[in-house]
């Protein structure tokens, strides 16, 4: 009977220890993965506003859905604390996450242009 109690206690301790990893925060790279939507932008060629979506995949591929241009594929990576996007307008961006990692702010290294995206 004592052996059974000891085995049950050991099993429970192992089970609890395995669950303790469930609360760990995701890595910086994992925070990007998914679809993000831009804030509304003014349409320079017509009436009304529009938004764009940016989708980051775990394999390093990237797709932006741009007004008038459709879906445009590219590649992304993190390097030196910056987001590097290789697409029709390649560039490096400083980034910050906020609102429990549901808001992403990108600042272009070359132009200083700032864009806020919301996780979908």
N, C-alpha and C. Protein backbone atom coordinates (compact mmCIF):
# COMPACT_ATOMS: atom_id res chain seq x y z
N UNK A 1 0.81 -1.19 0.00
CA UNK A 1 0.00 0.00 0.00
C UNK A 1 0.86 1.26 0.00
N UNK A 2 1.95 1.23 0.78
CA UNK A 2 2.84 2.38 0.85
C UNK A 2 3.53 2.62 -0.49
N UNK A 3 3.87 1.54 -1.20
CA UNK A 3 4.49 1.68 -2.52
C UNK A 3 3.51 2.33 -3.49
N UNK A 4 2.24 1.97 -3.40
CA UNK A 4 1.23 2.56 -4.28
C UNK A 4 1.08 4.06 -4.00
N UNK A 5 1.05 4.43 -2.73
CA UNK A 5 0.96 5.86 -2.36
C UNK A 5 2.18 6.62 -2.86
N UNK A 6 3.37 6.01 -2.72
CA UNK A 6 4.59 6.65 -3.18
C UNK A 6 4.56 6.84 -4.69
N UNK A 7 4.09 5.84 -5.42
CA UNK A 7 4.00 5.94 -6.88
C UNK A 7 2.99 7.02 -7.29
N UNK A 8 1.88 7.11 -6.60
CA UNK A 8 0.87 8.12 -6.91
C UNK A 8 1.43 9.51 -6.68
N UNK A 9 2.14 9.71 -5.56
CA UNK A 9 2.73 11.01 -5.26
C UNK A 9 3.77 11.38 -6.32
N UNK A 10 4.61 10.43 -6.71
CA UNK A 10 5.63 10.69 -7.74
C UNK A 10 4.95 11.05 -9.06
N UNK A 11 3.91 10.31 -9.42
CA UNK A 11 3.18 10.59 -10.64
C UNK A 11 2.57 11.99 -10.61
N UNK A 12 1.96 12.35 -9.50
CA UNK A 12 1.36 13.68 -9.38
C UNK A 12 2.41 14.79 -9.48
N UNK A 13 3.56 14.59 -8.84
CA UNK A 13 4.63 15.58 -8.92
C UNK A 13 5.14 15.74 -10.35
N UNK A 14 5.30 14.64 -11.06
CA UNK A 14 5.73 14.71 -12.46
C UNK A 14 4.68 15.40 -13.32
N UNK A 15 3.42 15.10 -13.07
CA UNK A 15 2.33 15.72 -13.82
C UNK A 15 2.30 17.23 -13.58
N UNK A 16 2.42 17.63 -12.33
CA UNK A 16 2.41 19.06 -11.99
C UNK A 16 3.62 19.76 -12.60
N UNK A 17 4.77 19.12 -12.56
CA UNK A 17 5.97 19.71 -13.15
C UNK A 17 5.82 19.88 -14.65
N UNK A 18 5.16 18.93 -15.32
CA UNK A 18 4.98 19.06 -16.77
C UNK A 18 4.04 20.20 -17.11
N UNK A 19 3.07 20.50 -16.25
CA UNK A 19 2.15 21.60 -16.50
C UNK A 19 2.76 22.95 -16.21
N UNK A 20 3.79 23.01 -15.42
CA UNK A 20 4.37 24.30 -15.05
C UNK A 20 4.95 25.04 -16.25
N UNK A 21 5.31 24.34 -17.30
CA UNK A 21 5.83 24.98 -18.50
C UNK A 21 4.76 25.63 -19.35
N UNK A 22 3.49 25.41 -19.06
CA UNK A 22 2.41 25.96 -19.87
C UNK A 22 2.27 27.46 -19.75
N UNK A 23 2.80 28.07 -18.71
CA UNK A 23 2.67 29.51 -18.52
C UNK A 23 3.85 30.29 -19.08
N UNK A 24 4.82 29.63 -19.66
CA UNK A 24 5.99 30.34 -20.15
C UNK A 24 5.60 31.24 -21.31
N UNK A 25 6.24 32.41 -21.36
CA UNK A 25 5.95 33.34 -22.44
C UNK A 25 6.56 32.82 -23.74
N UNK A 26 5.97 33.22 -24.85
CA UNK A 26 6.47 32.79 -26.15
C UNK A 26 7.76 33.53 -26.47
N UNK A 27 8.50 33.00 -27.40
CA UNK A 27 9.73 33.67 -27.82
C UNK A 27 9.37 34.90 -28.63
N UNK A 28 10.31 35.77 -28.80
CA UNK A 28 10.08 36.99 -29.58
C UNK A 28 9.61 36.67 -30.99
N UNK A 29 10.21 35.70 -31.61
CA UNK A 29 9.84 35.31 -32.98
C UNK A 29 8.39 34.83 -33.04
N UNK A 30 7.97 34.05 -32.06
CA UNK A 30 6.60 33.51 -32.06
C UNK A 30 5.55 34.61 -31.92
N UNK A 31 5.90 35.73 -31.32
CA UNK A 31 4.96 36.83 -31.17
C UNK A 31 4.49 37.37 -32.52
N UNK A 32 5.37 37.31 -33.54
CA UNK A 32 5.04 37.83 -34.86
C UNK A 32 4.09 36.93 -35.63
N UNK A 33 4.17 35.63 -35.41
CA UNK A 33 3.46 34.67 -36.24
C UNK A 33 1.95 34.89 -36.16
N UNK A 34 1.34 35.01 -37.33
CA UNK A 34 -0.09 35.23 -37.43
C UNK A 34 -0.39 36.39 -38.37
N UNK A 35 -1.64 36.81 -38.40
CA UNK A 35 -2.08 37.89 -39.28
C UNK A 35 -2.31 39.16 -38.48
N UNK A 36 -1.80 40.25 -39.02
CA UNK A 36 -1.87 41.57 -38.40
C UNK A 36 -2.57 42.51 -39.38
N UNK A 37 -3.37 43.42 -38.84
CA UNK A 37 -4.11 44.37 -39.66
C UNK A 37 -3.63 45.78 -39.34
N UNK A 38 -3.42 46.58 -40.39
CA UNK A 38 -2.97 47.96 -40.20
C UNK A 38 -4.14 48.84 -39.76
N UNK A 39 -3.80 50.01 -39.28
CA UNK A 39 -4.82 51.02 -39.00
C UNK A 39 -5.38 51.50 -40.34
N UNK A 40 -6.58 52.03 -40.36
CA UNK A 40 -7.13 52.57 -41.62
C UNK A 40 -6.20 53.63 -42.21
N UNK A 41 -6.05 53.56 -43.53
CA UNK A 41 -5.20 54.52 -44.26
C UNK A 41 -6.07 55.26 -45.26
N UNK A 42 -5.66 56.47 -45.59
CA UNK A 42 -6.39 57.25 -46.58
C UNK A 42 -6.05 56.73 -47.97
N UNK A 43 -7.06 56.48 -48.76
CA UNK A 43 -6.88 55.98 -50.11
C UNK A 43 -6.42 57.14 -51.01
N UNK A 44 -5.19 57.08 -51.53
CA UNK A 44 -4.68 58.20 -52.34
C UNK A 44 -5.28 58.25 -53.75
N UNK A 45 -5.93 57.17 -54.20
CA UNK A 45 -6.45 57.14 -55.57
C UNK A 45 -7.96 57.04 -55.62
N UNK A 46 -8.62 57.18 -54.51
CA UNK A 46 -10.08 57.08 -54.52
C UNK A 46 -10.67 57.54 -53.21
N UNK A 47 -11.92 57.23 -53.04
CA UNK A 47 -12.61 57.64 -51.83
C UNK A 47 -12.49 56.58 -50.75
N UNK A 48 -12.59 57.03 -49.51
CA UNK A 48 -12.62 56.11 -48.38
C UNK A 48 -11.26 55.66 -47.91
N UNK A 49 -11.27 54.99 -46.80
CA UNK A 49 -10.05 54.45 -46.20
C UNK A 49 -9.91 52.97 -46.55
N UNK A 50 -8.75 52.44 -46.31
CA UNK A 50 -8.50 51.03 -46.52
C UNK A 50 -7.54 50.52 -45.45
N UNK A 51 -7.46 49.21 -45.28
CA UNK A 51 -6.48 48.60 -44.39
C UNK A 51 -5.71 47.55 -45.17
N UNK A 52 -4.57 47.19 -44.65
CA UNK A 52 -3.76 46.13 -45.22
C UNK A 52 -3.58 45.05 -44.18
N UNK A 53 -3.29 43.83 -44.60
CA UNK A 53 -2.96 42.77 -43.66
C UNK A 53 -1.54 42.28 -43.93
N UNK A 54 -0.88 41.91 -42.87
CA UNK A 54 0.47 41.36 -42.92
C UNK A 54 0.42 40.02 -42.21
N UNK A 55 0.81 38.95 -42.91
CA UNK A 55 0.79 37.62 -42.31
C UNK A 55 2.21 37.08 -42.23
N UNK A 56 2.64 36.76 -41.01
CA UNK A 56 3.96 36.20 -40.76
C UNK A 56 3.80 34.71 -40.49
N UNK A 57 4.57 33.88 -41.20
CA UNK A 57 4.52 32.43 -41.01
C UNK A 57 5.78 31.95 -40.29
N UNK A 58 5.64 30.84 -39.58
CA UNK A 58 6.75 30.29 -38.79
C UNK A 58 7.96 29.92 -39.65
N UNK A 59 7.74 29.59 -40.92
CA UNK A 59 8.84 29.18 -41.79
C UNK A 59 9.62 30.36 -42.36
N UNK A 60 9.29 31.59 -41.93
CA UNK A 60 10.01 32.77 -42.41
C UNK A 60 9.38 33.42 -43.64
N UNK A 61 8.29 32.87 -44.14
CA UNK A 61 7.63 33.51 -45.27
C UNK A 61 6.66 34.57 -44.74
N UNK A 62 6.27 35.45 -45.64
CA UNK A 62 5.50 36.63 -45.27
C UNK A 62 4.60 36.97 -46.44
N UNK A 63 3.37 37.39 -46.17
CA UNK A 63 2.46 37.84 -47.22
C UNK A 63 1.81 39.12 -46.76
N UNK A 64 1.86 40.13 -47.61
CA UNK A 64 1.14 41.36 -47.34
C UNK A 64 0.02 41.47 -48.36
N UNK A 65 -1.14 41.90 -47.91
CA UNK A 65 -2.25 42.15 -48.81
C UNK A 65 -2.36 43.65 -48.93
N UNK A 66 -2.02 44.17 -50.11
CA UNK A 66 -1.88 45.59 -50.34
C UNK A 66 -2.98 46.08 -51.27
N UNK A 67 -3.51 47.25 -50.97
CA UNK A 67 -4.55 47.85 -51.80
C UNK A 67 -4.08 47.93 -53.26
N UNK A 68 -4.83 47.33 -54.13
CA UNK A 68 -4.54 47.43 -55.55
C UNK A 68 -3.50 46.45 -56.05
N UNK A 69 -2.67 45.91 -55.19
CA UNK A 69 -1.61 45.00 -55.63
C UNK A 69 -1.90 43.55 -55.26
N UNK A 70 -2.92 43.30 -54.45
CA UNK A 70 -3.25 41.94 -54.04
C UNK A 70 -2.27 41.40 -53.03
N UNK A 71 -2.11 40.08 -53.02
CA UNK A 71 -1.20 39.44 -52.07
C UNK A 71 0.22 39.42 -52.63
N UNK A 72 1.15 39.89 -51.81
CA UNK A 72 2.55 39.96 -52.22
C UNK A 72 3.38 39.16 -51.23
N UNK A 73 4.03 38.09 -51.71
CA UNK A 73 4.84 37.26 -50.80
C UNK A 73 6.22 37.85 -50.58
N UNK A 74 6.82 37.46 -49.47
CA UNK A 74 8.17 37.87 -49.15
C UNK A 74 8.73 36.99 -48.05
N UNK A 75 9.81 37.42 -47.46
CA UNK A 75 10.47 36.70 -46.36
C UNK A 75 10.66 37.65 -45.20
N UNK A 76 10.73 37.09 -43.98
CA UNK A 76 10.99 37.91 -42.80
C UNK A 76 11.92 37.18 -41.86
N UNK A 77 12.63 37.96 -41.04
CA UNK A 77 13.51 37.39 -40.02
C UNK A 77 13.77 38.46 -38.96
N UNK A 78 14.23 38.03 -37.83
CA UNK A 78 14.67 38.94 -36.78
C UNK A 78 16.19 38.90 -36.76
N UNK A 79 16.80 40.08 -36.74
CA UNK A 79 18.25 40.16 -36.74
C UNK A 79 18.68 41.43 -36.02
N UNK A 80 19.55 41.28 -35.04
CA UNK A 80 20.05 42.44 -34.32
C UNK A 80 18.96 43.25 -33.62
N UNK A 81 17.92 42.56 -33.16
CA UNK A 81 16.83 43.25 -32.48
C UNK A 81 15.90 44.01 -33.41
N UNK A 82 15.98 43.74 -34.71
CA UNK A 82 15.14 44.40 -35.70
C UNK A 82 14.40 43.37 -36.55
N UNK A 83 13.25 43.79 -37.06
CA UNK A 83 12.49 42.97 -38.01
C UNK A 83 12.99 43.32 -39.40
N UNK A 84 13.43 42.31 -40.14
CA UNK A 84 13.91 42.50 -41.51
C UNK A 84 12.87 41.86 -42.44
N UNK A 85 12.32 42.68 -43.33
CA UNK A 85 11.34 42.19 -44.29
C UNK A 85 11.93 42.33 -45.68
N UNK A 86 11.90 41.24 -46.44
CA UNK A 86 12.40 41.23 -47.82
C UNK A 86 11.19 41.06 -48.73
N UNK A 87 10.74 42.17 -49.28
CA UNK A 87 9.54 42.22 -50.12
C UNK A 87 9.75 43.35 -51.13
N UNK A 88 8.73 43.81 -51.81
CA UNK A 88 8.92 44.85 -52.82
C UNK A 88 9.45 46.16 -52.24
N UNK A 89 9.28 46.40 -50.95
CA UNK A 89 9.92 47.54 -50.29
C UNK A 89 10.68 47.00 -49.08
N UNK A 90 11.83 46.31 -49.33
CA UNK A 90 12.56 45.68 -48.22
C UNK A 90 13.05 46.72 -47.23
N UNK A 91 13.16 46.27 -46.01
CA UNK A 91 13.67 47.19 -45.01
C UNK A 91 13.81 46.57 -43.65
N UNK A 92 14.39 47.36 -42.78
CA UNK A 92 14.58 46.97 -41.38
C UNK A 92 13.67 47.86 -40.54
N UNK A 93 13.07 47.27 -39.52
CA UNK A 93 12.12 47.98 -38.68
C UNK A 93 12.42 47.73 -37.21
N UNK A 94 12.42 48.81 -36.43
CA UNK A 94 12.40 48.66 -34.98
C UNK A 94 10.97 48.28 -34.64
N UNK A 95 10.80 47.48 -33.62
CA UNK A 95 9.45 47.04 -33.29
C UNK A 95 9.24 47.00 -31.79
N UNK A 96 7.99 47.19 -31.41
CA UNK A 96 7.59 47.03 -30.02
C UNK A 96 6.21 46.38 -29.99
N UNK A 97 6.02 45.53 -29.02
CA UNK A 97 4.72 44.91 -28.78
C UNK A 97 4.09 45.57 -27.58
N UNK A 98 2.77 45.70 -27.61
CA UNK A 98 2.04 46.25 -26.47
C UNK A 98 0.67 45.58 -26.39
N UNK A 99 -0.10 45.98 -25.41
CA UNK A 99 -1.44 45.45 -25.19
C UNK A 99 -1.45 43.91 -25.21
N UNK A 100 -0.60 43.35 -24.35
CA UNK A 100 -0.50 41.90 -24.21
C UNK A 100 -0.14 41.22 -25.54
N UNK A 101 0.77 41.83 -26.28
CA UNK A 101 1.29 41.33 -27.56
C UNK A 101 0.24 41.30 -28.67
N UNK A 102 -0.82 42.10 -28.56
CA UNK A 102 -1.83 42.16 -29.63
C UNK A 102 -1.67 43.42 -30.48
N UNK A 103 -0.78 44.31 -30.10
CA UNK A 103 -0.49 45.53 -30.87
C UNK A 103 1.00 45.52 -31.20
N UNK A 104 1.31 45.73 -32.47
CA UNK A 104 2.69 45.75 -32.94
C UNK A 104 2.94 47.11 -33.58
N UNK A 105 3.96 47.80 -33.12
CA UNK A 105 4.34 49.08 -33.70
C UNK A 105 5.66 48.89 -34.44
N UNK A 106 5.68 49.24 -35.72
CA UNK A 106 6.87 49.15 -36.55
C UNK A 106 7.34 50.55 -36.90
N UNK A 107 8.65 50.78 -36.81
CA UNK A 107 9.24 52.06 -37.20
C UNK A 107 10.34 51.75 -38.21
N UNK A 108 10.19 52.28 -39.42
CA UNK A 108 11.16 52.05 -40.48
C UNK A 108 12.50 52.67 -40.11
N UNK A 109 13.56 51.89 -40.25
CA UNK A 109 14.91 52.39 -39.97
C UNK A 109 15.33 53.45 -40.98
N UNK A 110 14.87 53.33 -42.22
CA UNK A 110 15.33 54.27 -43.26
C UNK A 110 14.53 55.55 -43.32
N UNK A 111 13.22 55.49 -43.06
CA UNK A 111 12.37 56.68 -43.23
C UNK A 111 11.78 57.21 -41.92
N UNK A 112 11.76 56.37 -40.87
CA UNK A 112 11.14 56.77 -39.63
C UNK A 112 9.63 56.61 -39.63
N UNK A 113 9.07 56.12 -40.75
CA UNK A 113 7.63 55.90 -40.84
C UNK A 113 7.18 54.91 -39.76
N UNK A 114 6.12 55.27 -39.06
CA UNK A 114 5.60 54.43 -37.98
C UNK A 114 4.24 53.86 -38.39
N UNK A 115 4.06 52.57 -38.09
CA UNK A 115 2.79 51.92 -38.41
C UNK A 115 2.39 51.02 -37.24
N UNK A 116 1.12 51.09 -36.88
CA UNK A 116 0.57 50.24 -35.82
C UNK A 116 -0.28 49.14 -36.45
N UNK A 117 -0.06 47.92 -35.98
CA UNK A 117 -0.82 46.78 -36.47
C UNK A 117 -1.47 46.06 -35.29
N UNK A 118 -2.64 45.49 -35.54
CA UNK A 118 -3.39 44.78 -34.52
C UNK A 118 -3.48 43.31 -34.91
N UNK A 119 -3.19 42.42 -33.97
CA UNK A 119 -3.26 40.97 -34.22
C UNK A 119 -4.70 40.56 -34.47
N UNK A 120 -4.89 39.77 -35.50
CA UNK A 120 -6.23 39.29 -35.86
C UNK A 120 -6.47 37.91 -35.31
